[in-house]
Structure formats: C-alpha cells, structure tokens
Protein backbone atom coordinates (compact mmCIF):
# COMPACT_ATOMS: atom_id res chain seq x y z
CA ASP A 1 12.75 15.61 -19.33
CA ASN A 2 13.46 12.63 -21.56
CA LEU A 3 10.27 10.73 -20.68
CA THR A 4 7.70 10.17 -23.38
CA TRP A 5 3.97 9.71 -23.09
CA THR A 6 1.50 8.11 -25.47
CA LEU A 7 -2.30 8.27 -25.30
CA LYS A 8 -3.77 5.32 -27.16
CA ASP A 9 -7.17 5.20 -28.81
CA ASP A 10 -8.49 2.85 -26.11
CA GLY A 11 -7.81 5.42 -23.38
CA THR A 12 -4.51 3.98 -22.15
CA LEU A 13 -1.90 6.58 -21.23
CA VAL A 14 1.64 5.17 -21.30
CA ILE A 15 4.40 7.09 -19.49
CA GLY A 16 8.10 6.35 -19.76
CA GLU A 17 8.17 3.13 -21.73
CA ALA A 18 11.56 1.92 -22.92
CA ARG A 19 12.23 2.84 -26.55
CA GLU A 20 14.97 1.69 -28.88
CA GLY A 21 17.74 4.28 -29.10
CA ALA A 22 16.40 6.35 -26.19
CA SER A 23 18.08 6.87 -22.82
CA ALA A 24 17.67 3.89 -20.50
CA THR A 25 18.29 5.98 -17.38
CA PRO A 26 15.21 6.30 -15.15
CA GLN A 27 13.89 9.88 -15.14
CA LYS A 28 11.73 12.05 -12.90
CA MET A 29 8.49 13.33 -14.35
CA TRP A 30 7.88 17.07 -14.39
CA GLU A 31 6.07 18.68 -11.48
CA PHE A 32 2.76 20.28 -12.44
CA PRO A 33 1.61 23.33 -10.41
CA TYR A 34 -2.09 22.56 -10.38
CA THR A 35 -4.51 25.47 -10.27
CA ASP A 36 -7.35 24.50 -12.60
CA PHE A 37 -7.95 23.06 -16.05
CA SER A 38 -8.43 26.36 -17.82
CA GLU A 39 -6.61 27.09 -21.07
CA GLY A 40 -2.93 27.78 -20.64
CA THR A 41 -2.57 26.05 -17.26
CA TRP A 42 -0.16 23.13 -17.02
CA SER A 43 -2.24 21.35 -14.42
CA ASN A 44 -1.34 17.77 -15.38
CA VAL A 45 0.78 15.69 -17.72
CA LEU A 46 -1.55 16.15 -20.70
CA THR A 47 -1.35 19.97 -20.58
CA ASN A 48 -3.58 21.16 -23.43
CA LYS A 49 -2.84 18.30 -25.80
CA ALA A 50 -5.62 15.97 -24.67
CA ASN A 51 -8.52 15.80 -22.25
CA PRO A 52 -8.04 14.02 -18.90
CA VAL A 53 -11.51 12.47 -19.19
CA ASP A 54 -10.24 10.38 -22.12
CA VAL A 55 -7.84 8.42 -19.91
CA LYS A 56 -9.08 5.10 -18.49
CA VAL A 57 -5.80 3.27 -17.83
CA ILE A 58 -2.33 4.55 -16.93
CA GLU A 59 0.78 2.47 -17.51
CA ILE A 60 3.93 3.63 -15.68
CA GLY A 61 7.00 2.37 -17.54
CA GLN A 62 10.38 1.28 -16.23
CA LEU A 63 11.98 4.66 -17.06
CA VAL A 64 9.88 6.59 -14.54
CA SER A 65 11.70 7.16 -11.24
CA SER A 66 9.24 9.68 -9.81
CA ILE A 67 5.63 10.58 -10.63
CA GLY A 68 5.29 14.37 -10.73
CA SER A 69 3.04 16.43 -8.53
CA ASN A 70 -0.54 16.66 -9.87
CA ALA A 71 0.48 14.56 -12.87
CA PHE A 72 -2.87 12.78 -13.13
CA SER A 73 -5.03 15.03 -10.98
CA GLY A 74 -8.63 15.16 -12.13
CA PHE A 75 -8.57 12.06 -14.35
CA ILE A 76 -12.14 11.26 -13.39
CA ASN A 77 -12.50 8.22 -15.67
CA LEU A 78 -9.26 6.52 -14.61
CA THR A 79 -10.02 2.99 -13.40
CA LYS A 80 -6.65 1.23 -13.45
CA VAL A 81 -2.96 2.01 -12.87
CA VAL A 82 -0.38 -0.52 -14.08
CA PHE A 83 3.29 -0.43 -13.10
CA SER A 84 6.07 -2.03 -15.13
CA GLY A 85 7.32 -5.34 -13.75
CA THR A 86 10.81 -3.86 -13.80
CA THR A 87 9.73 -0.57 -12.24
CA ASN A 88 12.29 1.92 -10.95
CA LEU A 89 9.69 4.11 -9.27
CA LYS A 90 10.80 5.67 -5.96
CA SER A 91 8.22 8.36 -5.20
CA ILE A 92 4.74 9.62 -6.05
CA GLY A 93 4.30 13.39 -5.94
CA ASP A 94 1.82 15.64 -4.16
CA GLY A 95 -1.69 15.36 -5.53
CA ALA A 96 -0.59 12.99 -8.30
CA PHE A 97 -3.88 11.03 -8.34
CA SER A 98 -6.13 13.48 -6.49
CA GLY A 99 -9.70 13.58 -7.69
CA CYS A 100 -9.47 10.29 -9.61
CA THR A 101 -13.01 9.45 -8.57
CA SER A 102 -13.36 6.23 -10.62
CA LEU A 103 -10.21 4.58 -9.25
CA ALA A 104 -11.27 1.66 -7.02
CA SER A 105 -7.97 -0.09 -6.34
CA ILE A 106 -4.23 0.34 -6.80
CA THR A 107 -1.11 -1.55 -5.74
CA ILE A 108 1.95 0.62 -5.14
CA PRO A 109 5.02 -1.35 -6.29
CA ALA A 110 7.99 -2.40 -4.18
CA GLY A 111 10.72 0.22 -4.13
CA VAL A 112 8.45 3.23 -3.67
CA GLN A 113 9.64 5.15 -0.63
CA ALA A 114 7.48 8.27 -0.53
CA ILE A 115 3.84 9.12 -1.19
CA GLY A 116 3.32 12.88 -1.21
CA ALA A 117 0.69 15.11 0.36
CA ASN A 118 -2.85 14.94 -1.12
CA THR A 119 -1.71 12.18 -3.48
CA PHE A 120 -5.02 10.28 -3.48
CA LYS A 121 -7.16 13.01 -1.97
CA ASN A 122 -10.85 12.78 -2.85
CA CYS A 123 -10.54 9.44 -4.62
CA GLY A 124 -13.93 8.61 -3.18
CA ASN A 125 -14.25 5.13 -4.69
CA LEU A 126 -10.79 3.92 -3.67
CA SER A 127 -11.57 0.86 -1.55
CA LEU A 128 -8.41 -1.28 -1.81
CA ILE A 129 -4.75 -0.29 -1.82
CA GLY A 130 -1.55 -2.30 -1.59
CA LEU A 131 1.43 -0.61 0.06
CA PRO A 132 5.04 -1.88 -0.03
CA VAL A 133 7.37 -2.35 2.92
CA SER A 134 9.80 0.09 1.25
CA LEU A 135 7.59 3.07 2.22
CA THR A 136 9.24 5.57 4.57
CA SER A 137 6.83 8.51 4.36
CA ILE A 138 3.21 9.35 3.54
CA GLY A 139 2.37 13.04 3.21
CA SER A 140 -0.44 14.88 4.94
CA ASP A 141 -3.99 14.28 3.63
CA ALA A 142 -2.64 11.75 1.12
CA PHE A 143 -5.81 9.68 1.60
CA ASP A 144 -8.20 12.35 2.79
CA GLY A 145 -11.61 11.89 1.22
CA CYS A 146 -11.17 8.12 0.75
CA PRO A 147 -13.76 6.79 3.23
CA SER A 148 -13.91 3.28 1.76
CA LEU A 149 -10.35 2.58 2.93
CA SER A 150 -11.61 2.49 6.52
CA LYS A 151 -13.02 -1.01 6.02
CA PRO A 152 -10.77 -3.57 7.79
CA GLY A 153 -8.42 -5.24 5.34
CA SER A 154 -8.72 -2.56 2.66
CA VAL A 155 -5.16 -1.28 3.31
CA ASN A 156 -2.89 -4.21 2.48
CA TYR A 157 0.55 -3.39 3.87
CA LEU A 158 3.33 -5.89 3.13
CA GLY A 159 5.32 -5.10 6.28
CA THR A 160 4.63 -5.66 9.96
CA THR A 161 2.78 -3.35 12.33
CA ALA A 162 6.12 -2.28 13.81
CA GLN A 163 7.39 -1.32 10.34
CA TRP A 164 4.15 0.54 9.67
CA ASN A 165 4.53 2.54 12.86
CA ALA A 166 8.02 3.60 11.73
CA ILE A 167 6.64 5.33 8.61
CA ASN A 168 6.73 9.13 8.77
CA MET A 169 2.97 9.66 8.60
CA GLY A 170 1.46 13.06 7.86
CA SER A 171 -1.79 14.22 9.43
CA GLY A 172 -5.17 13.53 7.86
CA ASN A 173 -4.54 9.84 7.12
CA SER A 174 -6.43 8.21 9.99
CA VAL A 175 -8.46 6.18 7.51
CA LEU A 176 -5.38 4.04 6.87
CA LYS A 177 -5.22 2.90 10.49
CA ASP A 178 -8.83 1.73 10.37
CA GLY A 179 -8.31 -0.35 7.24
CA LEU A 180 -4.77 -1.58 7.93
CA GLN A 181 -3.93 -5.23 7.35
CA ALA A 182 -0.23 -5.69 8.18
CA LYS A 183 1.83 -8.85 7.75
CA ASP A 184 2.55 -9.73 11.37
CA GLN A 185 3.89 -13.23 11.93
CA TYR A 186 4.91 -14.66 15.29
CA THR A 187 6.28 -17.87 16.77
CA VAL A 188 4.20 -19.09 19.73
CA THR A 189 5.65 -21.66 22.14
CA PHE A 190 3.52 -23.83 24.45
CA TYR A 191 4.85 -25.41 27.68
CA HIS A 192 3.63 -27.87 30.32
CA ASN A 193 2.43 -25.93 33.37
CA ASP A 194 5.02 -23.29 34.33
CA GLY A 195 7.64 -24.55 31.91
CA LEU A 196 9.98 -25.48 34.77
CA THR A 197 9.10 -29.07 35.63
CA HIS A 198 9.10 -29.85 31.91
CA PRO A 199 11.38 -27.20 30.36
CA ALA A 200 11.20 -28.61 26.84
CA PRO A 201 8.44 -26.95 24.76
CA TYR A 202 5.34 -29.04 24.27
CA ALA A 203 4.66 -27.43 20.89
CA THR A 204 5.79 -24.50 18.75
CA LEU A 205 3.44 -22.98 16.19
CA VAL A 206 3.77 -20.08 13.75
CA THR A 207 0.92 -17.64 13.20
CA GLY A 208 -0.43 -16.57 9.85
CA THR A 209 0.62 -13.24 8.40
CA ASN A 210 -2.27 -11.59 10.26
CA GLY A 211 -0.64 -12.44 13.59
CA ARG A 212 -3.24 -15.07 14.48
CA LEU A 213 -2.94 -18.79 15.03
CA THR A 214 -5.19 -20.93 12.88
CA GLU A 215 -5.16 -23.76 15.45
CA LEU A 216 -3.94 -24.73 18.94
CA PRO A 217 -1.94 -27.81 19.96
CA GLU A 218 -4.06 -30.92 20.49
CA SER A 219 -7.00 -30.23 22.75
CA ASN A 220 -6.40 -33.01 25.33
CA PRO A 221 -2.71 -33.94 25.66
CA PHE A 222 -1.96 -36.87 27.98
CA TRP A 223 0.13 -36.46 31.14
CA GLU A 224 -0.21 -39.28 33.67
CA GLY A 225 -1.62 -38.13 37.00
CA HIS A 226 -2.78 -34.78 35.64
CA THR A 227 -5.94 -33.31 34.16
CA PHE A 228 -5.68 -30.98 31.18
CA ARG A 229 -7.43 -27.67 31.82
CA GLY A 230 -6.50 -25.88 28.59
CA TRP A 231 -3.89 -23.43 27.26
CA PHE A 232 -3.33 -20.17 29.14
CA THR A 233 -1.55 -16.89 28.44
CA GLU A 234 0.59 -16.97 31.61
CA LYS A 235 2.76 -19.52 33.42
CA SER A 236 0.42 -19.27 36.40
CA GLY A 237 -3.14 -18.10 35.97
CA GLY A 238 -3.64 -15.91 32.92
CA VAL A 239 -6.47 -16.11 30.43
CA ARG A 240 -7.56 -19.38 28.88
CA ILE A 241 -7.23 -19.35 25.09
C-alpha cells in the first residue's frame, strides 16, 4: 500500500523506489483482478491513469517484496525489466507479465522463491530467461505460449539439475525442460586399469558448469610393459570416452 510508481516521459515505469522520508520496509504490490482493459477495470498497476502501451521499461525498486497478480499484463511494448541491485523481491504473481509480447529476455533476481501461474503466458518473443537457485515453485502455464524458450540454453538456471527437479513445477511448462541449461559441475577421477593395482588416482578433473569435461588426461600416458588403449567408463570393459 505504501509503494509508489512513476511513469517517465521516456516510457520507464518505476515501482517502489526508495524515497527520502518514506517507509523503508519492503512492501507487497496490490493484486489486480484482470478481466479486460475497459473503463473502470483495475486490470493492471496503471489502472486508468495511463496507457499500458506507453511503457517500454519497468524498474522494480528495492521496496517491492512481491509483484502483484496481473500487474503488468498486456504491456505489449515492454522490452526490458530491471531489478534493483539491492532487491528484496520474493515472488511474482499470477499473470504478472502475461501478454508482454515485445519482451525478449529477463533475468529473475536471486531471492525470488515463487513464480505464479500464467506469469509469462503468451510472451511469444521471450527467448532467454535467467532463473535463480532460490526458486521453489513455478505455477501452472507460467510459460505457456513462449515457444522460443524451447531452444537449448535459453533457460539459464543457476542451480543444478537436481535442484531444478526439486522445484514444485506446475503443468504446462514443458518448454522449460527443452531449453534448460543447469549449472551441473562434477569431479571426475581417472585410475590405472581397475584402480586396484594402482589405487592412487592417475588424474582428477572438474567439469564445466554444464557437466561436461573440456579435456581428458593426456592421450598416451606411459606405463612400462603396457599399451594404452584409452579411457573407459567402467573398471573392466565399459565404453571408451
């Protein structure tokens, strides 16, 4: 209730910026029961005071703890969302950015735990999104109608695949699985033969954040009386790498 908003002449909408003498306690935005944009309907944060098509950039200030449902629904000319470097944002409400058809990319800041249902529904040009490891839930159809997110690497998740699988995921978000790029990192240890005759590791390498090694140990290590055949996935047999 104590949050302010300012629409600048350049099309930047600022929500919840810190102001001298105002409360410094993070606040939740109002929830907006979207029906349509007809006169008298509080369908988004601008109500009847301004036209959503005028907004090109949204800045979410440090005093916003929760983005309200349908707050920016139908902002068809929105191209950029900026979050304060000292953000206190914890959740994004149902349908908050639905129908923002010009939005191509967005990075959800660390600390956000919940993305509501239909939040980015029908954002047809959304092709790159960053998601924090703090996420615990994504509502149903949150990314329905966002086909460009199916391209591998378009969903940049800062946690591991195991952490991703622990998120409470609503239905209608299969596109995220197709585009997911998680930060999986592993330690891979290489041994001579079965690892018994020479129990000390030959080499230990760490993968990149995509779970893949960028190189193998030297291609022809010397061991007197033996011929190197390559690195394998099992102690005996297995698949040659």
